[in-house]
mmCIF file of all heavy atoms, coordinates in Angstrom:
data_MODEL
# 
_entry.id   MODEL 
# 
loop_
_atom_site.group_PDB 
_atom_site.id 
_atom_site.type_symbol 
_atom_site.label_atom_id 
_atom_site.label_alt_id 
_atom_site.label_comp_id 
_atom_site.label_asym_id 
_atom_site.label_entity_id 
_atom_site.label_seq_id 
_atom_site.pdbx_PDB_ins_code 
_atom_site.Cartn_x 
_atom_site.Cartn_y 
_atom_site.Cartn_z 
_atom_site.occupancy 
_atom_site.B_iso_or_equiv 
_atom_site.pdbx_formal_charge 
_atom_site.auth_seq_id 
_atom_site.auth_comp_id 
_atom_site.auth_asym_id 
_atom_site.auth_atom_id 
_atom_site.pdbx_PDB_model_num 
ATOM 1   N N   . LYS A 1 1  ? 0.829  -1.202  0.000   1.00 0.00 ? 1  LYS A N   1 
ATOM 2   C CA  . LYS A 1 1  ? 0.000  0.000   0.000   1.00 0.00 ? 1  LYS A CA  1 
ATOM 3   C C   . LYS A 1 1  ? 0.872  1.264   0.000   1.00 0.00 ? 1  LYS A C   1 
ATOM 4   O O   . LYS A 1 1  ? 0.608  2.213   -0.754  1.00 0.00 ? 1  LYS A O   1 
ATOM 5   C CB  . LYS A 1 1  ? -0.914 -0.018  1.221   1.00 0.00 ? 1  LYS A CB  1 
ATOM 6   C CG  . LYS A 1 1  ? -1.749 1.239   1.449   1.00 0.00 ? 1  LYS A CG  1 
ATOM 7   C CD  . LYS A 1 1  ? -2.639 1.060   2.665   1.00 0.00 ? 1  LYS A CD  1 
ATOM 8   C CE  . LYS A 1 1  ? -3.454 2.320   2.960   1.00 0.00 ? 1  LYS A CE  1 
ATOM 9   N NZ  . LYS A 1 1  ? -2.601 3.391   3.525   1.00 0.00 ? 1  LYS A NZ  1 
ATOM 10  N N   . LEU A 1 2  ? 1.932  1.269   0.818   1.00 0.00 ? 2  LEU A N   1 
ATOM 11  C CA  . LEU A 1 2  ? 2.757  2.476   0.960   1.00 0.00 ? 2  LEU A CA  1 
ATOM 12  C C   . LEU A 1 2  ? 3.512  2.819   -0.313  1.00 0.00 ? 2  LEU A C   1 
ATOM 13  O O   . LEU A 1 2  ? 3.732  4.001   -0.599  1.00 0.00 ? 2  LEU A O   1 
ATOM 14  C CB  . LEU A 1 2  ? 3.735  2.306   2.127   1.00 0.00 ? 2  LEU A CB  1 
ATOM 15  C CG  . LEU A 1 2  ? 3.126  2.219   3.533   1.00 0.00 ? 2  LEU A CG  1 
ATOM 16  C CD1 . LEU A 1 2  ? 4.215  2.067   4.576   1.00 0.00 ? 2  LEU A CD1 1 
ATOM 17  C CD2 . LEU A 1 2  ? 2.266  3.445   3.834   1.00 0.00 ? 2  LEU A CD2 1 
ATOM 18  N N   . VAL A 1 3  ? 3.916  1.805   -1.082  1.00 0.00 ? 3  VAL A N   1 
ATOM 19  C CA  . VAL A 1 3  ? 4.704  2.102   -2.291  1.00 0.00 ? 3  VAL A CA  1 
ATOM 20  C C   . VAL A 1 3  ? 3.830  2.410   -3.497  1.00 0.00 ? 3  VAL A C   1 
ATOM 21  O O   . VAL A 1 3  ? 4.348  2.720   -4.573  1.00 0.00 ? 3  VAL A O   1 
ATOM 22  C CB  . VAL A 1 3  ? 5.671  0.954   -2.633  1.00 0.00 ? 3  VAL A CB  1 
ATOM 23  C CG1 . VAL A 1 3  ? 6.642  0.720   -1.493  1.00 0.00 ? 3  VAL A CG1 1 
ATOM 24  C CG2 . VAL A 1 3  ? 4.927  -0.327  -3.014  1.00 0.00 ? 3  VAL A CG2 1 
ATOM 25  N N   . GLY A 1 4  ? 2.502  2.319   -3.331  1.00 0.00 ? 4  GLY A N   1 
ATOM 26  C CA  . GLY A 1 4  ? 1.633  2.696   -4.440  1.00 0.00 ? 4  GLY A CA  1 
ATOM 27  C C   . GLY A 1 4  ? 0.851  1.565   -5.057  1.00 0.00 ? 4  GLY A C   1 
ATOM 28  O O   . GLY A 1 4  ? 0.295  1.721   -6.147  1.00 0.00 ? 4  GLY A O   1 
ATOM 29  N N   . GLY A 1 5  ? 0.790  0.408   -4.408  1.00 0.00 ? 5  GLY A N   1 
ATOM 30  C CA  . GLY A 1 5  ? -0.052 -0.673  -4.887  1.00 0.00 ? 5  GLY A CA  1 
ATOM 31  C C   . GLY A 1 5  ? 0.712  -1.786  -5.582  1.00 0.00 ? 5  GLY A C   1 
ATOM 32  O O   . GLY A 1 5  ? 1.946  -1.788  -5.687  1.00 0.00 ? 5  GLY A O   1 
ATOM 33  N N   . GLU A 1 6  ? -0.068 -2.743  -6.080  1.00 0.00 ? 6  GLU A N   1 
ATOM 34  C CA  . GLU A 1 6  ? 0.504  -3.967  -6.647  1.00 0.00 ? 6  GLU A CA  1 
ATOM 35  C C   . GLU A 1 6  ? 1.405  -3.698  -7.848  1.00 0.00 ? 6  GLU A C   1 
ATOM 36  O O   . GLU A 1 6  ? 2.425  -4.363  -8.028  1.00 0.00 ? 6  GLU A O   1 
ATOM 37  C CB  . GLU A 1 6  ? -0.630 -4.930  -7.040  1.00 0.00 ? 6  GLU A CB  1 
ATOM 38  C CG  . GLU A 1 6  ? -0.146 -6.275  -7.536  1.00 0.00 ? 6  GLU A CG  1 
ATOM 39  C CD  . GLU A 1 6  ? -1.282 -7.262  -7.719  1.00 0.00 ? 6  GLU A CD  1 
ATOM 40  O OE1 . GLU A 1 6  ? -2.452 -6.896  -7.472  1.00 0.00 ? 6  GLU A OE1 1 
ATOM 41  O OE2 . GLU A 1 6  ? -0.993 -8.416  -8.094  1.00 0.00 ? 6  GLU A OE2 1 
ATOM 42  N N   . GLU A 1 7  ? 1.054  -2.736  -8.668  1.00 0.00 ? 7  GLU A N   1 
ATOM 43  C CA  . GLU A 1 7  ? 1.850  -2.455  -9.870  1.00 0.00 ? 7  GLU A CA  1 
ATOM 44  C C   . GLU A 1 7  ? 3.294  -2.105  -9.511  1.00 0.00 ? 7  GLU A C   1 
ATOM 45  O O   . GLU A 1 7  ? 4.237  -2.477  -10.219 1.00 0.00 ? 7  GLU A O   1 
ATOM 46  C CB  . GLU A 1 7  ? 1.220  -1.302  -10.659 1.00 0.00 ? 7  GLU A CB  1 
ATOM 47  C CG  . GLU A 1 7  ? 1.943  -0.987  -11.958 1.00 0.00 ? 7  GLU A CG  1 
ATOM 48  C CD  . GLU A 1 7  ? 1.288  0.154   -12.722 1.00 0.00 ? 7  GLU A CD  1 
ATOM 49  O OE1 . GLU A 1 7  ? 0.179  0.578   -12.331 1.00 0.00 ? 7  GLU A OE1 1 
ATOM 50  O OE2 . GLU A 1 7  ? 1.894  0.620   -13.710 1.00 0.00 ? 7  GLU A OE2 1 
ATOM 51  N N   . LYS A 1 8  ? 3.481  -1.401  -8.399  1.00 0.00 ? 8  LYS A N   1 
ATOM 52  C CA  . LYS A 1 8  ? 4.828  -1.027  -7.965  1.00 0.00 ? 8  LYS A CA  1 
ATOM 53  C C   . LYS A 1 8  ? 5.486  -2.140  -7.145  1.00 0.00 ? 8  LYS A C   1 
ATOM 54  O O   . LYS A 1 8  ? 6.707  -2.304  -7.180  1.00 0.00 ? 8  LYS A O   1 
ATOM 55  C CB  . LYS A 1 8  ? 4.770  0.253   -7.117  1.00 0.00 ? 8  LYS A CB  1 
ATOM 56  C CG  . LYS A 1 8  ? 4.194  1.466   -7.853  1.00 0.00 ? 8  LYS A CG  1 
ATOM 57  C CD  . LYS A 1 8  ? 5.197  2.034   -8.835  1.00 0.00 ? 8  LYS A CD  1 
ATOM 58  C CE  . LYS A 1 8  ? 4.591  3.158   -9.655  1.00 0.00 ? 8  LYS A CE  1 
ATOM 59  N NZ  . LYS A 1 8  ? 4.222  4.325   -8.820  1.00 0.00 ? 8  LYS A NZ  1 
ATOM 60  N N   . PHE A 1 9  ? 4.669  -2.883  -6.395  1.00 0.00 ? 9  PHE A N   1 
ATOM 61  C CA  . PHE A 1 9  ? 5.228  -3.852  -5.454  1.00 0.00 ? 9  PHE A CA  1 
ATOM 62  C C   . PHE A 1 9  ? 5.614  -5.164  -6.120  1.00 0.00 ? 9  PHE A C   1 
ATOM 63  O O   . PHE A 1 9  ? 6.598  -5.803  -5.715  1.00 0.00 ? 9  PHE A O   1 
ATOM 64  C CB  . PHE A 1 9  ? 4.212  -4.120  -4.338  1.00 0.00 ? 9  PHE A CB  1 
ATOM 65  C CG  . PHE A 1 9  ? 4.791  -4.802  -3.130  1.00 0.00 ? 9  PHE A CG  1 
ATOM 66  C CD1 . PHE A 1 9  ? 5.650  -4.121  -2.281  1.00 0.00 ? 9  PHE A CD1 1 
ATOM 67  C CD2 . PHE A 1 9  ? 4.472  -6.120  -2.836  1.00 0.00 ? 9  PHE A CD2 1 
ATOM 68  C CE1 . PHE A 1 9  ? 6.183  -4.736  -1.147  1.00 0.00 ? 9  PHE A CE1 1 
ATOM 69  C CE2 . PHE A 1 9  ? 4.998  -6.750  -1.714  1.00 0.00 ? 9  PHE A CE2 1 
ATOM 70  C CZ  . PHE A 1 9  ? 5.856  -6.051  -0.868  1.00 0.00 ? 9  PHE A CZ  1 
ATOM 71  N N   . GLN A 1 10 ? 4.862  -5.569  -7.156  1.00 0.00 ? 10 GLN A N   1 
ATOM 72  C CA  . GLN A 1 10 ? 5.103  -6.878  -7.753  1.00 0.00 ? 10 GLN A CA  1 
ATOM 73  C C   . GLN A 1 10 ? 6.510  -7.032  -8.337  1.00 0.00 ? 10 GLN A C   1 
ATOM 74  O O   . GLN A 1 10 ? 7.152  -8.081  -8.149  1.00 0.00 ? 10 GLN A O   1 
ATOM 75  C CB  . GLN A 1 10 ? 4.043  -7.177  -8.819  1.00 0.00 ? 10 GLN A CB  1 
ATOM 76  C CG  . GLN A 1 10 ? 3.879  -8.654  -9.116  1.00 0.00 ? 10 GLN A CG  1 
ATOM 77  C CD  . GLN A 1 10 ? 3.513  -9.447  -7.875  1.00 0.00 ? 10 GLN A CD  1 
ATOM 78  O OE1 . GLN A 1 10 ? 2.615  -9.088  -7.120  1.00 0.00 ? 10 GLN A OE1 1 
ATOM 79  N NE2 . GLN A 1 10 ? 4.234  -10.533 -7.640  1.00 0.00 ? 10 GLN A NE2 1 
ATOM 80  N N   . PRO A 1 11 ? 7.041  -6.025  -9.046  1.00 0.00 ? 11 PRO A N   1 
ATOM 81  C CA  . PRO A 1 11 ? 8.428  -6.167  -9.534  1.00 0.00 ? 11 PRO A CA  1 
ATOM 82  C C   . PRO A 1 11 ? 9.433  -6.343  -8.401  1.00 0.00 ? 11 PRO A C   1 
ATOM 83  O O   . PRO A 1 11 ? 10.429 -7.053  -8.566  1.00 0.00 ? 11 PRO A O   1 
ATOM 84  C CB  . PRO A 1 11 ? 8.670  -4.861  -10.298 1.00 0.00 ? 11 PRO A CB  1 
ATOM 85  C CG  . PRO A 1 11 ? 7.310  -4.403  -10.705 1.00 0.00 ? 11 PRO A CG  1 
ATOM 86  C CD  . PRO A 1 11 ? 6.404  -4.800  -9.582  1.00 0.00 ? 11 PRO A CD  1 
ATOM 87  N N   . PHE A 1 12 ? 9.181  -5.712  -7.262  1.00 0.00 ? 12 PHE A N   1 
ATOM 88  C CA  . PHE A 1 12 ? 10.057 -5.909  -6.108  1.00 0.00 ? 12 PHE A CA  1 
ATOM 89  C C   . PHE A 1 12 ? 10.051 -7.371  -5.673  1.00 0.00 ? 12 PHE A C   1 
ATOM 90  O O   . PHE A 1 12 ? 11.111 -7.947  -5.372  1.00 0.00 ? 12 PHE A O   1 
ATOM 91  C CB  . PHE A 1 12 ? 9.625  -5.019  -4.939  1.00 0.00 ? 12 PHE A CB  1 
ATOM 92  C CG  . PHE A 1 12 ? 10.104 -5.506  -3.601  1.00 0.00 ? 12 PHE A CG  1 
ATOM 93  C CD1 . PHE A 1 12 ? 11.436 -5.383  -3.240  1.00 0.00 ? 12 PHE A CD1 1 
ATOM 94  C CD2 . PHE A 1 12 ? 9.223  -6.127  -2.713  1.00 0.00 ? 12 PHE A CD2 1 
ATOM 95  C CE1 . PHE A 1 12 ? 11.883 -5.870  -2.018  1.00 0.00 ? 12 PHE A CE1 1 
ATOM 96  C CE2 . PHE A 1 12 ? 9.663  -6.610  -1.497  1.00 0.00 ? 12 PHE A CE2 1 
ATOM 97  C CZ  . PHE A 1 12 ? 11.001 -6.487  -1.144  1.00 0.00 ? 12 PHE A CZ  1 
ATOM 98  N N   . LEU A 1 13 ? 8.862  -7.984  -5.622  1.00 0.00 ? 13 LEU A N   1 
ATOM 99  C CA  . LEU A 1 13 ? 8.788  -9.379  -5.190  1.00 0.00 ? 13 LEU A CA  1 
ATOM 100 C C   . LEU A 1 13 ? 9.599  -10.287 -6.104  1.00 0.00 ? 13 LEU A C   1 
ATOM 101 O O   . LEU A 1 13 ? 10.324 -11.173 -5.634  1.00 0.00 ? 13 LEU A O   1 
ATOM 102 C CB  . LEU A 1 13 ? 7.337  -9.853  -5.157  1.00 0.00 ? 13 LEU A CB  1 
ATOM 103 C CG  . LEU A 1 13 ? 6.529  -9.573  -3.898  1.00 0.00 ? 13 LEU A CG  1 
ATOM 104 C CD1 . LEU A 1 13 ? 5.197  -10.292 -3.962  1.00 0.00 ? 13 LEU A CD1 1 
ATOM 105 C CD2 . LEU A 1 13 ? 7.286  -9.994  -2.648  1.00 0.00 ? 13 LEU A CD2 1 
ATOM 106 N N   . ARG A 1 14 ? 9.484  -10.101 -7.403  1.00 0.00 ? 14 ARG A N   1 
ATOM 107 C CA  . ARG A 1 14 ? 10.249 -10.934 -8.330  1.00 0.00 ? 14 ARG A CA  1 
ATOM 108 C C   . ARG A 1 14 ? 11.749 -10.738 -8.108  1.00 0.00 ? 14 ARG A C   1 
ATOM 109 O O   . ARG A 1 14 ? 12.526 -11.707 -8.117  1.00 0.00 ? 14 ARG A O   1 
ATOM 110 C CB  . ARG A 1 14 ? 9.868  -10.618 -9.776  1.00 0.00 ? 14 ARG A CB  1 
ATOM 111 C CG  . ARG A 1 14 ? 8.434  -11.015 -10.136 1.00 0.00 ? 14 ARG A CG  1 
ATOM 112 C CD  . ARG A 1 14 ? 8.108  -10.679 -11.577 1.00 0.00 ? 14 ARG A CD  1 
ATOM 113 N NE  . ARG A 1 14 ? 8.806  -11.559 -12.493 1.00 0.00 ? 14 ARG A NE  1 
ATOM 114 C CZ  . ARG A 1 14 ? 8.279  -12.641 -13.060 1.00 0.00 ? 14 ARG A CZ  1 
ATOM 115 N NH1 . ARG A 1 14 ? 7.032  -12.993 -12.777 1.00 0.00 ? 14 ARG A NH1 1 
ATOM 116 N NH2 . ARG A 1 14 ? 8.972  -13.383 -13.898 1.00 0.00 ? 14 ARG A NH2 1 
ATOM 117 N N   . ARG A 1 15 ? 12.174 -9.510  -7.897  1.00 0.00 ? 15 ARG A N   1 
ATOM 118 C CA  . ARG A 1 15 ? 13.585 -9.246  -7.632  1.00 0.00 ? 15 ARG A CA  1 
ATOM 119 C C   . ARG A 1 15 ? 14.016 -9.872  -6.317  1.00 0.00 ? 15 ARG A C   1 
ATOM 120 O O   . ARG A 1 15 ? 15.140 -10.365 -6.186  1.00 0.00 ? 15 ARG A O   1 
ATOM 121 C CB  . ARG A 1 15 ? 13.854 -7.738  -7.596  1.00 0.00 ? 15 ARG A CB  1 
ATOM 122 C CG  . ARG A 1 15 ? 14.048 -7.087  -8.958  1.00 0.00 ? 15 ARG A CG  1 
ATOM 123 C CD  . ARG A 1 15 ? 14.840 -5.787  -8.820  1.00 0.00 ? 15 ARG A CD  1 
ATOM 124 N NE  . ARG A 1 15 ? 16.190 -6.024  -8.309  1.00 0.00 ? 15 ARG A NE  1 
ATOM 125 C CZ  . ARG A 1 15 ? 16.855 -5.184  -7.523  1.00 0.00 ? 15 ARG A CZ  1 
ATOM 126 N NH1 . ARG A 1 15 ? 16.292 -4.048  -7.126  1.00 0.00 ? 15 ARG A NH1 1 
ATOM 127 N NH2 . ARG A 1 15 ? 18.076 -5.460  -7.125  1.00 0.00 ? 15 ARG A NH2 1 
ATOM 128 N N   . TYR A 1 16 ? 13.148 -9.834  -5.333  1.00 0.00 ? 16 TYR A N   1 
ATOM 129 C CA  . TYR A 1 16 ? 13.433 -10.431 -4.026  1.00 0.00 ? 16 TYR A CA  1 
ATOM 130 C C   . TYR A 1 16 ? 13.723 -11.924 -4.177  1.00 0.00 ? 16 TYR A C   1 
ATOM 131 O O   . TYR A 1 16 ? 14.719 -12.442 -3.645  1.00 0.00 ? 16 TYR A O   1 
ATOM 132 C CB  . TYR A 1 16 ? 12.232 -10.190 -3.113  1.00 0.00 ? 16 TYR A CB  1 
ATOM 133 C CG  . TYR A 1 16 ? 12.234 -10.910 -1.786  1.00 0.00 ? 16 TYR A CG  1 
ATOM 134 C CD1 . TYR A 1 16 ? 12.856 -10.365 -0.671  1.00 0.00 ? 16 TYR A CD1 1 
ATOM 135 C CD2 . TYR A 1 16 ? 11.567 -12.127 -1.642  1.00 0.00 ? 16 TYR A CD2 1 
ATOM 136 C CE1 . TYR A 1 16 ? 12.826 -11.016 0.565   1.00 0.00 ? 16 TYR A CE1 1 
ATOM 137 C CE2 . TYR A 1 16 ? 11.530 -12.785 -0.423  1.00 0.00 ? 16 TYR A CE2 1 
ATOM 138 C CZ  . TYR A 1 16 ? 12.162 -12.223 0.676   1.00 0.00 ? 16 TYR A CZ  1 
ATOM 139 O OH  . TYR A 1 16 ? 12.117 -12.876 1.885   1.00 0.00 ? 16 TYR A OH  1 
ATOM 140 N N   . PHE A 1 17 ? 12.879 -12.653 -4.920  1.00 0.00 ? 17 PHE A N   1 
ATOM 141 C CA  . PHE A 1 17 ? 13.086 -14.085 -5.098  1.00 0.00 ? 17 PHE A CA  1 
ATOM 142 C C   . PHE A 1 17 ? 14.319 -14.369 -5.950  1.00 0.00 ? 17 PHE A C   1 
ATOM 143 O O   . PHE A 1 17 ? 15.015 -15.372 -5.727  1.00 0.00 ? 17 PHE A O   1 
ATOM 144 C CB  . PHE A 1 17 ? 11.845 -14.730 -5.709  1.00 0.00 ? 17 PHE A CB  1 
ATOM 145 C CG  . PHE A 1 17 ? 10.660 -14.738 -4.786  1.00 0.00 ? 17 PHE A CG  1 
ATOM 146 C CD1 . PHE A 1 17 ? 9.459  -14.160 -5.156  1.00 0.00 ? 17 PHE A CD1 1 
ATOM 147 C CD2 . PHE A 1 17 ? 10.754 -15.317 -3.532  1.00 0.00 ? 17 PHE A CD2 1 
ATOM 148 C CE1 . PHE A 1 17 ? 8.370  -14.164 -4.297  1.00 0.00 ? 17 PHE A CE1 1 
ATOM 149 C CE2 . PHE A 1 17 ? 9.665  -15.324 -2.658  1.00 0.00 ? 17 PHE A CE2 1 
ATOM 150 C CZ  . PHE A 1 17 ? 8.474  -14.742 -3.054  1.00 0.00 ? 17 PHE A CZ  1 
ATOM 151 N N   . GLU A 1 18 ? 14.610 -13.509 -6.920  1.00 0.00 ? 18 GLU A N   1 
ATOM 152 C CA  . GLU A 1 18 ? 15.830 -13.687 -7.711  1.00 0.00 ? 18 GLU A CA  1 
ATOM 153 C C   . GLU A 1 18 ? 17.072 -13.437 -6.862  1.00 0.00 ? 18 GLU A C   1 
ATOM 154 O O   . GLU A 1 18 ? 18.050 -14.191 -6.917  1.00 0.00 ? 18 GLU A O   1 
ATOM 155 C CB  . GLU A 1 18 ? 15.819 -12.720 -8.903  1.00 0.00 ? 18 GLU A CB  1 
ATOM 156 C CG  . GLU A 1 18 ? 14.775 -13.044 -9.963  1.00 0.00 ? 18 GLU A CG  1 
ATOM 157 C CD  . GLU A 1 18 ? 14.609 -11.912 -10.964 1.00 0.00 ? 18 GLU A CD  1 
ATOM 158 O OE1 . GLU A 1 18 ? 15.371 -10.913 -10.871 1.00 0.00 ? 18 GLU A OE1 1 
ATOM 159 O OE2 . GLU A 1 18 ? 13.722 -12.020 -11.831 1.00 0.00 ? 18 GLU A OE2 1 
ATOM 160 N N   . HIS A 1 19 ? 17.035 -12.378 -6.055  1.00 0.00 ? 19 HIS A N   1 
ATOM 161 C CA  . HIS A 1 19 ? 18.210 -11.974 -5.283  1.00 0.00 ? 19 HIS A CA  1 
ATOM 162 C C   . HIS A 1 19 ? 18.533 -12.975 -4.177  1.00 0.00 ? 19 HIS A C   1 
ATOM 163 O O   . HIS A 1 19 ? 19.708 -13.337 -3.980  1.00 0.00 ? 19 HIS A O   1 
ATOM 164 C CB  . HIS A 1 19 ? 17.976 -10.587 -4.671  1.00 0.00 ? 19 HIS A CB  1 
ATOM 165 C CG  . HIS A 1 19 ? 19.122 -10.077 -3.847  1.00 0.00 ? 19 HIS A CG  1 
ATOM 166 N ND1 . HIS A 1 19 ? 20.272 -9.572  -4.416  1.00 0.00 ? 19 HIS A ND1 1 
ATOM 167 C CD2 . HIS A 1 19 ? 19.299 -10.008 -2.495  1.00 0.00 ? 19 HIS A CD2 1 
ATOM 168 C CE1 . HIS A 1 19 ? 21.112 -9.199  -3.449  1.00 0.00 ? 19 HIS A CE1 1 
ATOM 169 N NE2 . HIS A 1 19 ? 20.543 -9.464  -2.280  1.00 0.00 ? 19 HIS A NE2 1 
ATOM 170 N N   . PHE A 1 20 ? 17.508 -13.430 -3.447  1.00 0.00 ? 20 PHE A N   1 
ATOM 171 C CA  . PHE A 1 20 ? 17.744 -14.312 -2.305  1.00 0.00 ? 20 PHE A CA  1 
ATOM 172 C C   . PHE A 1 20 ? 17.544 -15.786 -2.649  1.00 0.00 ? 20 PHE A C   1 
ATOM 173 O O   . PHE A 1 20 ? 17.678 -16.641 -1.769  1.00 0.00 ? 20 PHE A O   1 
ATOM 174 C CB  . PHE A 1 20 ? 16.819 -13.940 -1.144  1.00 0.00 ? 20 PHE A CB  1 
ATOM 175 C CG  . PHE A 1 20 ? 17.161 -12.629 -0.483  1.00 0.00 ? 20 PHE A CG  1 
ATOM 176 C CD1 . PHE A 1 20 ? 16.361 -11.503 -0.683  1.00 0.00 ? 20 PHE A CD1 1 
ATOM 177 C CD2 . PHE A 1 20 ? 18.275 -12.505 0.331   1.00 0.00 ? 20 PHE A CD2 1 
ATOM 178 C CE1 . PHE A 1 20 ? 16.665 -10.288 -0.073  1.00 0.00 ? 20 PHE A CE1 1 
ATOM 179 C CE2 . PHE A 1 20 ? 18.589 -11.299 0.945   1.00 0.00 ? 20 PHE A CE2 1 
ATOM 180 C CZ  . PHE A 1 20 ? 17.785 -10.188 0.742   1.00 0.00 ? 20 PHE A CZ  1 
ATOM 181 N N   . GLY A 1 21 ? 17.230 -16.106 -3.901  1.00 0.00 ? 21 GLY A N   1 
ATOM 182 C CA  . GLY A 1 21 ? 16.970 -17.490 -4.282  1.00 0.00 ? 21 GLY A CA  1 
ATOM 183 C C   . GLY A 1 21 ? 18.116 -18.417 -3.913  1.00 0.00 ? 21 GLY A C   1 
ATOM 184 O O   . GLY A 1 21 ? 19.285 -18.128 -4.184  1.00 0.00 ? 21 GLY A O   1 
ATOM 185 N N   . GLY A 1 22 ? 17.784 -19.549 -3.279  1.00 0.00 ? 22 GLY A N   1 
ATOM 186 C CA  . GLY A 1 22 ? 18.792 -20.500 -2.842  1.00 0.00 ? 22 GLY A CA  1 
ATOM 187 C C   . GLY A 1 22 ? 19.438 -20.156 -1.522  1.00 0.00 ? 22 GLY A C   1 
ATOM 188 O O   . GLY A 1 22 ? 20.290 -20.906 -1.035  1.00 0.00 ? 22 GLY A O   1 
ATOM 189 N N   . ARG A 1 23 ? 19.027 -19.051 -0.917  1.00 0.00 ? 23 ARG A N   1 
ATOM 190 C CA  . ARG A 1 23 ? 19.666 -18.586 0.315   1.00 0.00 ? 23 ARG A CA  1 
ATOM 191 C C   . ARG A 1 23 ? 18.614 -18.390 1.412   1.00 0.00 ? 23 ARG A C   1 
ATOM 192 O O   . ARG A 1 23 ? 17.436 -18.656 1.223   1.00 0.00 ? 23 ARG A O   1 
ATOM 193 C CB  . ARG A 1 23 ? 20.411 -17.273 0.060   1.00 0.00 ? 23 ARG A CB  1 
ATOM 194 C CG  . ARG A 1 23 ? 21.564 -17.419 -0.935  1.00 0.00 ? 23 ARG A CG  1 
ATOM 195 C CD  . ARG A 1 23 ? 22.420 -16.167 -0.945  1.00 0.00 ? 23 ARG A CD  1 
ATOM 196 N NE  . ARG A 1 23 ? 21.763 -15.077 -1.663  1.00 0.00 ? 23 ARG A NE  1 
ATOM 197 C CZ  . ARG A 1 23 ? 21.995 -13.781 -1.430  1.00 0.00 ? 23 ARG A CZ  1 
ATOM 198 N NH1 . ARG A 1 23 ? 22.811 -13.420 -0.462  1.00 0.00 ? 23 ARG A NH1 1 
ATOM 199 N NH2 . ARG A 1 23 ? 21.390 -12.852 -2.152  1.00 0.00 ? 23 ARG A NH2 1 
ATOM 200 N N   . THR A 1 24 ? 19.077 -17.896 2.551   1.00 0.00 ? 24 THR A N   1 
ATOM 201 C CA  . THR A 1 24 ? 18.176 -17.563 3.646   1.00 0.00 ? 24 THR A CA  1 
ATOM 202 C C   . THR A 1 24 ? 18.093 -16.046 3.786   1.00 0.00 ? 24 THR A C   1 
ATOM 203 O O   . THR A 1 24 ? 18.942 -15.311 3.287   1.00 0.00 ? 24 THR A O   1 
ATOM 204 C CB  . THR A 1 24 ? 18.657 -18.172 4.973   1.00 0.00 ? 24 THR A CB  1 
ATOM 205 O OG1 . THR A 1 24 ? 19.966 -17.680 5.271   1.00 0.00 ? 24 THR A OG1 1 
ATOM 206 C CG2 . THR A 1 24 ? 18.683 -19.683 4.895   1.00 0.00 ? 24 THR A CG2 1 
# 
């Protein structure tokens, strides 16, 4: 909500899984 909704947040989630993938 704070960053402006799903359109802004969803790319962050994909980057999050790419960045931390295979790790803790």
